[in-house]
């Protein structure tokens, strides 16, 4: 079980909460939302994923998104995003996950 502040995104309570909601979604919904996140990232900084991919944890498969290479790439990219990009991702996630967000 994960404890608070053990994951890099736990520092951002909004992002952590939204990723928790995304985790509970069925795989088809997860895939659609992750694809939208990737579009936002690529539109903001086309090289972000390429620039940091070697920094991503390659052997650790502890998180729900680690099992899918696409989700793994997109979500780990957020670790290196600036506050403006993270704000856009959080707004997108709130919109996409609205029925589940209080």
N, C-alpha and C. Protein backbone atom coordinates (compact mmCIF):
# COMPACT_ATOMS: atom_id res chain seq x y z
N UNK A 1 0.84 -1.19 0.00
CA UNK A 1 0.00 0.00 0.00
C UNK A 1 0.88 1.25 0.00
N UNK A 2 0.49 2.24 -0.77
CA UNK A 2 1.24 3.49 -0.82
C UNK A 2 0.88 4.36 0.36
N UNK A 3 1.88 4.98 0.93
CA UNK A 3 1.63 5.94 1.99
C UNK A 3 1.80 7.33 1.42
N UNK A 4 1.15 8.32 2.04
CA UNK A 4 1.25 9.68 1.51
C UNK A 4 2.71 10.14 1.39
N UNK A 5 2.95 10.96 0.40
CA UNK A 5 4.25 11.56 0.15
C UNK A 5 5.34 10.56 -0.25
N UNK A 6 4.96 9.39 -0.72
CA UNK A 6 5.93 8.41 -1.22
C UNK A 6 6.04 8.47 -2.74
N UNK A 7 5.05 9.06 -3.37
CA UNK A 7 5.07 9.17 -4.83
C UNK A 7 5.42 10.60 -5.18
N UNK A 8 6.09 10.80 -6.29
CA UNK A 8 6.53 12.15 -6.66
C UNK A 8 5.36 13.12 -6.78
N UNK A 9 4.20 12.63 -7.20
CA UNK A 9 3.07 13.53 -7.41
C UNK A 9 2.26 13.80 -6.14
N UNK A 10 2.61 13.18 -5.03
CA UNK A 10 1.90 13.45 -3.78
C UNK A 10 2.11 14.88 -3.29
N UNK A 11 3.15 15.54 -3.78
CA UNK A 11 3.39 16.94 -3.41
C UNK A 11 2.30 17.84 -3.98
N UNK A 12 1.66 17.40 -5.05
CA UNK A 12 0.57 18.16 -5.67
C UNK A 12 -0.73 17.41 -5.36
N UNK A 13 -1.42 17.87 -4.33
CA UNK A 13 -2.62 17.16 -3.85
C UNK A 13 -3.70 17.02 -4.92
N UNK A 14 -3.87 18.06 -5.75
CA UNK A 14 -4.86 17.97 -6.83
C UNK A 14 -4.50 16.87 -7.81
N UNK A 15 -3.25 16.85 -8.25
CA UNK A 15 -2.82 15.84 -9.21
C UNK A 15 -2.92 14.44 -8.60
N UNK A 16 -2.48 14.29 -7.36
CA UNK A 16 -2.55 12.98 -6.70
C UNK A 16 -3.99 12.48 -6.62
N UNK A 17 -4.90 13.37 -6.25
CA UNK A 17 -6.31 12.99 -6.14
C UNK A 17 -6.88 12.59 -7.50
N UNK A 18 -6.58 13.38 -8.52
CA UNK A 18 -7.10 13.09 -9.86
C UNK A 18 -6.51 11.81 -10.44
N UNK A 19 -5.24 11.56 -10.20
CA UNK A 19 -4.65 10.29 -10.66
C UNK A 19 -5.26 9.11 -9.92
N UNK A 20 -5.64 9.31 -8.66
CA UNK A 20 -6.33 8.26 -7.92
C UNK A 20 -7.69 7.95 -8.53
N UNK A 21 -8.40 8.99 -8.95
CA UNK A 21 -9.69 8.79 -9.63
C UNK A 21 -9.48 8.09 -10.96
N UNK A 22 -8.47 8.51 -11.70
CA UNK A 22 -8.17 7.87 -12.98
C UNK A 22 -7.83 6.40 -12.80
N UNK A 23 -7.11 6.09 -11.75
CA UNK A 23 -6.74 4.69 -11.46
C UNK A 23 -7.99 3.81 -11.32
N UNK A 24 -9.05 4.37 -10.75
CA UNK A 24 -10.26 3.59 -10.50
C UNK A 24 -11.12 3.42 -11.76
N UNK A 25 -10.83 4.15 -12.80
CA UNK A 25 -11.59 4.04 -14.04
C UNK A 25 -11.26 2.75 -14.77
N UNK A 26 -12.16 2.33 -15.64
CA UNK A 26 -11.89 1.12 -16.42
C UNK A 26 -10.78 1.42 -17.43
N UNK A 27 -10.07 0.38 -17.87
CA UNK A 27 -8.92 0.58 -18.76
C UNK A 27 -9.20 1.38 -20.03
N UNK A 28 -10.38 1.23 -20.61
CA UNK A 28 -10.71 2.00 -21.82
C UNK A 28 -10.79 3.49 -21.52
N UNK A 29 -11.40 3.85 -20.40
CA UNK A 29 -11.47 5.25 -20.01
C UNK A 29 -10.09 5.78 -19.67
N UNK A 30 -9.30 4.97 -18.97
CA UNK A 30 -7.93 5.38 -18.64
C UNK A 30 -7.15 5.71 -19.91
N UNK A 31 -7.26 4.84 -20.89
CA UNK A 31 -6.54 5.02 -22.14
C UNK A 31 -6.94 6.31 -22.84
N UNK A 32 -8.23 6.61 -22.85
CA UNK A 32 -8.73 7.83 -23.49
C UNK A 32 -8.20 9.07 -22.78
N UNK A 33 -8.24 9.07 -21.46
CA UNK A 33 -7.78 10.22 -20.69
C UNK A 33 -6.27 10.39 -20.84
N UNK A 34 -5.52 9.30 -20.78
CA UNK A 34 -4.07 9.38 -20.93
C UNK A 34 -3.70 9.90 -22.32
N UNK A 35 -4.45 9.50 -23.33
CA UNK A 35 -4.20 10.01 -24.69
C UNK A 35 -4.42 11.53 -24.73
N UNK A 36 -5.44 12.01 -24.05
CA UNK A 36 -5.68 13.45 -23.98
C UNK A 36 -4.56 14.17 -23.25
N UNK A 37 -4.06 13.56 -22.18
CA UNK A 37 -2.94 14.14 -21.45
C UNK A 37 -1.71 14.24 -22.35
N UNK A 38 -1.48 13.20 -23.13
CA UNK A 38 -0.33 13.20 -24.04
C UNK A 38 -0.45 14.33 -25.07
N UNK A 39 -1.65 14.54 -25.59
CA UNK A 39 -1.86 15.62 -26.55
C UNK A 39 -1.52 16.98 -25.93
N UNK A 40 -1.93 17.18 -24.70
CA UNK A 40 -1.63 18.44 -24.01
C UNK A 40 -0.12 18.59 -23.83
N UNK A 41 0.53 17.53 -23.38
CA UNK A 41 1.98 17.58 -23.18
C UNK A 41 2.70 17.88 -24.49
N UNK A 42 2.33 17.18 -25.53
CA UNK A 42 3.00 17.36 -26.83
C UNK A 42 2.73 18.75 -27.40
N UNK A 43 1.55 19.29 -27.17
CA UNK A 43 1.25 20.63 -27.64
C UNK A 43 2.01 21.70 -26.88
N UNK A 44 2.31 21.42 -25.65
CA UNK A 44 3.01 22.38 -24.80
C UNK A 44 4.53 22.30 -25.00
N UNK A 45 5.04 21.07 -25.02
CA UNK A 45 6.49 20.86 -25.17
C UNK A 45 6.70 19.52 -25.85
N UNK A 46 6.86 19.56 -27.14
CA UNK A 46 6.94 18.34 -27.94
C UNK A 46 8.10 17.42 -27.54
N UNK A 47 9.13 17.98 -26.95
CA UNK A 47 10.31 17.18 -26.60
C UNK A 47 10.38 16.75 -25.14
N UNK A 48 9.38 17.11 -24.34
CA UNK A 48 9.43 16.81 -22.91
C UNK A 48 9.63 15.33 -22.64
N UNK A 49 8.87 14.49 -23.26
CA UNK A 49 8.98 13.05 -23.01
C UNK A 49 10.34 12.51 -23.45
N UNK A 50 10.78 12.91 -24.61
CA UNK A 50 12.07 12.44 -25.12
C UNK A 50 13.22 12.89 -24.24
N UNK A 51 13.12 14.11 -23.74
CA UNK A 51 14.21 14.68 -22.95
C UNK A 51 14.41 13.94 -21.63
N UNK A 52 13.34 13.42 -21.04
CA UNK A 52 13.42 12.83 -19.71
C UNK A 52 13.21 11.32 -19.66
N UNK A 53 12.95 10.69 -20.78
CA UNK A 53 12.59 9.26 -20.75
C UNK A 53 13.65 8.39 -20.08
N UNK A 54 14.91 8.73 -20.20
CA UNK A 54 15.95 7.91 -19.57
C UNK A 54 15.98 8.07 -18.06
N UNK A 55 15.31 9.07 -17.54
CA UNK A 55 15.24 9.29 -16.10
C UNK A 55 14.10 8.50 -15.45
N UNK A 56 13.23 7.94 -16.25
CA UNK A 56 12.06 7.24 -15.72
C UNK A 56 12.49 5.91 -15.10
N UNK A 57 11.77 5.47 -14.08
CA UNK A 57 12.07 4.18 -13.46
C UNK A 57 11.76 3.04 -14.43
N UNK A 58 12.79 2.33 -14.82
CA UNK A 58 12.60 1.28 -15.83
C UNK A 58 12.29 -0.09 -15.23
N UNK A 59 12.75 -0.35 -14.04
CA UNK A 59 12.57 -1.69 -13.47
C UNK A 59 11.48 -1.76 -12.43
N UNK A 60 11.10 -0.64 -11.87
CA UNK A 60 10.09 -0.63 -10.83
C UNK A 60 8.70 -0.58 -11.46
N UNK A 61 7.88 -1.54 -11.12
CA UNK A 61 6.50 -1.61 -11.63
C UNK A 61 5.55 -1.66 -10.44
N UNK A 62 5.52 -0.58 -9.66
CA UNK A 62 4.69 -0.56 -8.45
C UNK A 62 3.36 0.14 -8.66
N UNK A 63 3.29 1.03 -9.59
CA UNK A 63 2.11 1.86 -9.76
C UNK A 63 1.17 1.27 -10.83
N UNK A 64 -0.08 1.63 -10.76
CA UNK A 64 -1.07 1.11 -11.71
C UNK A 64 -0.70 1.47 -13.14
N UNK A 65 -0.13 2.63 -13.35
CA UNK A 65 0.19 3.09 -14.70
C UNK A 65 1.50 2.51 -15.24
N UNK A 66 2.27 1.87 -14.39
CA UNK A 66 3.53 1.26 -14.83
C UNK A 66 3.31 0.05 -15.73
N UNK A 67 2.14 -0.54 -15.65
CA UNK A 67 1.86 -1.76 -16.42
C UNK A 67 1.63 -1.49 -17.90
N UNK A 68 1.28 -0.26 -18.23
CA UNK A 68 1.03 0.11 -19.61
C UNK A 68 2.11 1.10 -20.04
N UNK A 69 2.94 0.76 -21.02
CA UNK A 69 4.04 1.65 -21.42
C UNK A 69 3.58 3.06 -21.82
N UNK A 70 2.42 3.17 -22.42
CA UNK A 70 1.90 4.46 -22.84
C UNK A 70 1.56 5.32 -21.63
N UNK A 71 0.81 4.76 -20.68
CA UNK A 71 0.47 5.48 -19.45
C UNK A 71 1.73 5.81 -18.66
N UNK A 72 2.64 4.87 -18.61
CA UNK A 72 3.90 5.06 -17.89
C UNK A 72 4.65 6.27 -18.43
N UNK A 73 4.74 6.38 -19.74
CA UNK A 73 5.46 7.48 -20.38
C UNK A 73 4.78 8.82 -20.10
N UNK A 74 3.48 8.87 -20.27
CA UNK A 74 2.75 10.13 -20.10
C UNK A 74 2.79 10.60 -18.65
N UNK A 75 2.46 9.72 -17.72
CA UNK A 75 2.38 10.14 -16.32
C UNK A 75 3.76 10.46 -15.75
N UNK A 76 4.77 9.68 -16.10
CA UNK A 76 6.11 10.01 -15.62
C UNK A 76 6.62 11.32 -16.20
N UNK A 77 6.18 11.69 -17.38
CA UNK A 77 6.57 12.97 -17.98
C UNK A 77 6.13 14.14 -17.12
N UNK A 78 5.01 13.98 -16.43
CA UNK A 78 4.49 15.07 -15.61
C UNK A 78 5.43 15.45 -14.48
N UNK A 79 6.27 14.52 -14.09
CA UNK A 79 7.25 14.81 -13.03
C UNK A 79 8.17 15.96 -13.44
N UNK A 80 8.38 16.13 -14.72
CA UNK A 80 9.31 17.13 -15.25
C UNK A 80 8.60 18.33 -15.85
N UNK A 81 7.30 18.38 -15.68
CA UNK A 81 6.50 19.48 -16.24
C UNK A 81 6.59 20.71 -15.34
N UNK A 82 6.50 21.88 -15.95
CA UNK A 82 6.47 23.10 -15.15
C UNK A 82 5.05 23.33 -14.64
N UNK A 83 4.88 24.34 -13.80
CA UNK A 83 3.59 24.58 -13.16
C UNK A 83 2.49 24.93 -14.16
N UNK A 84 2.84 25.59 -15.25
CA UNK A 84 1.83 25.93 -16.26
C UNK A 84 1.28 24.68 -16.95
N UNK A 85 2.16 23.78 -17.33
CA UNK A 85 1.72 22.53 -17.95
C UNK A 85 0.92 21.70 -16.96
N UNK A 86 1.39 21.59 -15.72
CA UNK A 86 0.65 20.83 -14.72
C UNK A 86 -0.74 21.42 -14.50
N UNK A 87 -0.83 22.73 -14.51
CA UNK A 87 -2.15 23.37 -14.36
C UNK A 87 -3.09 22.98 -15.49
N UNK A 88 -2.56 22.92 -16.71
CA UNK A 88 -3.36 22.50 -17.86
C UNK A 88 -3.80 21.05 -17.75
N UNK A 89 -2.90 20.21 -17.29
CA UNK A 89 -3.22 18.78 -17.11
C UNK A 89 -4.29 18.62 -16.02
N UNK A 90 -4.13 19.33 -14.93
CA UNK A 90 -5.11 19.24 -13.83
C UNK A 90 -6.48 19.71 -14.29
N UNK A 91 -6.53 20.81 -15.02
CA UNK A 91 -7.82 21.30 -15.55
C UNK A 91 -8.44 20.27 -16.49
N UNK A 92 -7.63 19.67 -17.36
CA UNK A 92 -8.12 18.63 -18.26
C UNK A 92 -8.66 17.44 -17.47
N UNK A 93 -7.91 16.99 -16.47
CA UNK A 93 -8.35 15.84 -15.67
C UNK A 93 -9.65 16.15 -14.93
N UNK A 94 -9.77 17.34 -14.38
CA UNK A 94 -11.01 17.71 -13.69
C UNK A 94 -12.18 17.67 -14.66
N UNK A 95 -11.97 18.14 -15.87
CA UNK A 95 -13.03 18.13 -16.88
C UNK A 95 -13.39 16.70 -17.28
N UNK A 96 -12.38 15.89 -17.54
CA UNK A 96 -12.63 14.51 -17.98
C UNK A 96 -13.20 13.62 -16.88
N UNK A 97 -12.79 13.87 -15.66
CA UNK A 97 -13.20 13.01 -14.55
C UNK A 97 -14.32 13.65 -13.74
N UNK A 98 -14.94 14.71 -14.28
CA UNK A 98 -15.92 15.51 -13.56
C UNK A 98 -16.97 14.71 -12.78
N UNK A 99 -17.57 13.68 -13.33
CA UNK A 99 -18.58 12.95 -12.55
C UNK A 99 -18.01 12.37 -11.25
N UNK A 100 -16.70 12.12 -11.22
CA UNK A 100 -16.10 11.51 -10.04
C UNK A 100 -15.44 12.54 -9.12
N UNK A 101 -15.33 13.79 -9.55
CA UNK A 101 -14.69 14.83 -8.75
C UNK A 101 -15.75 15.54 -7.93
N UNK A 102 -15.47 15.71 -6.65
CA UNK A 102 -16.43 16.38 -5.75
C UNK A 102 -16.48 17.86 -6.04
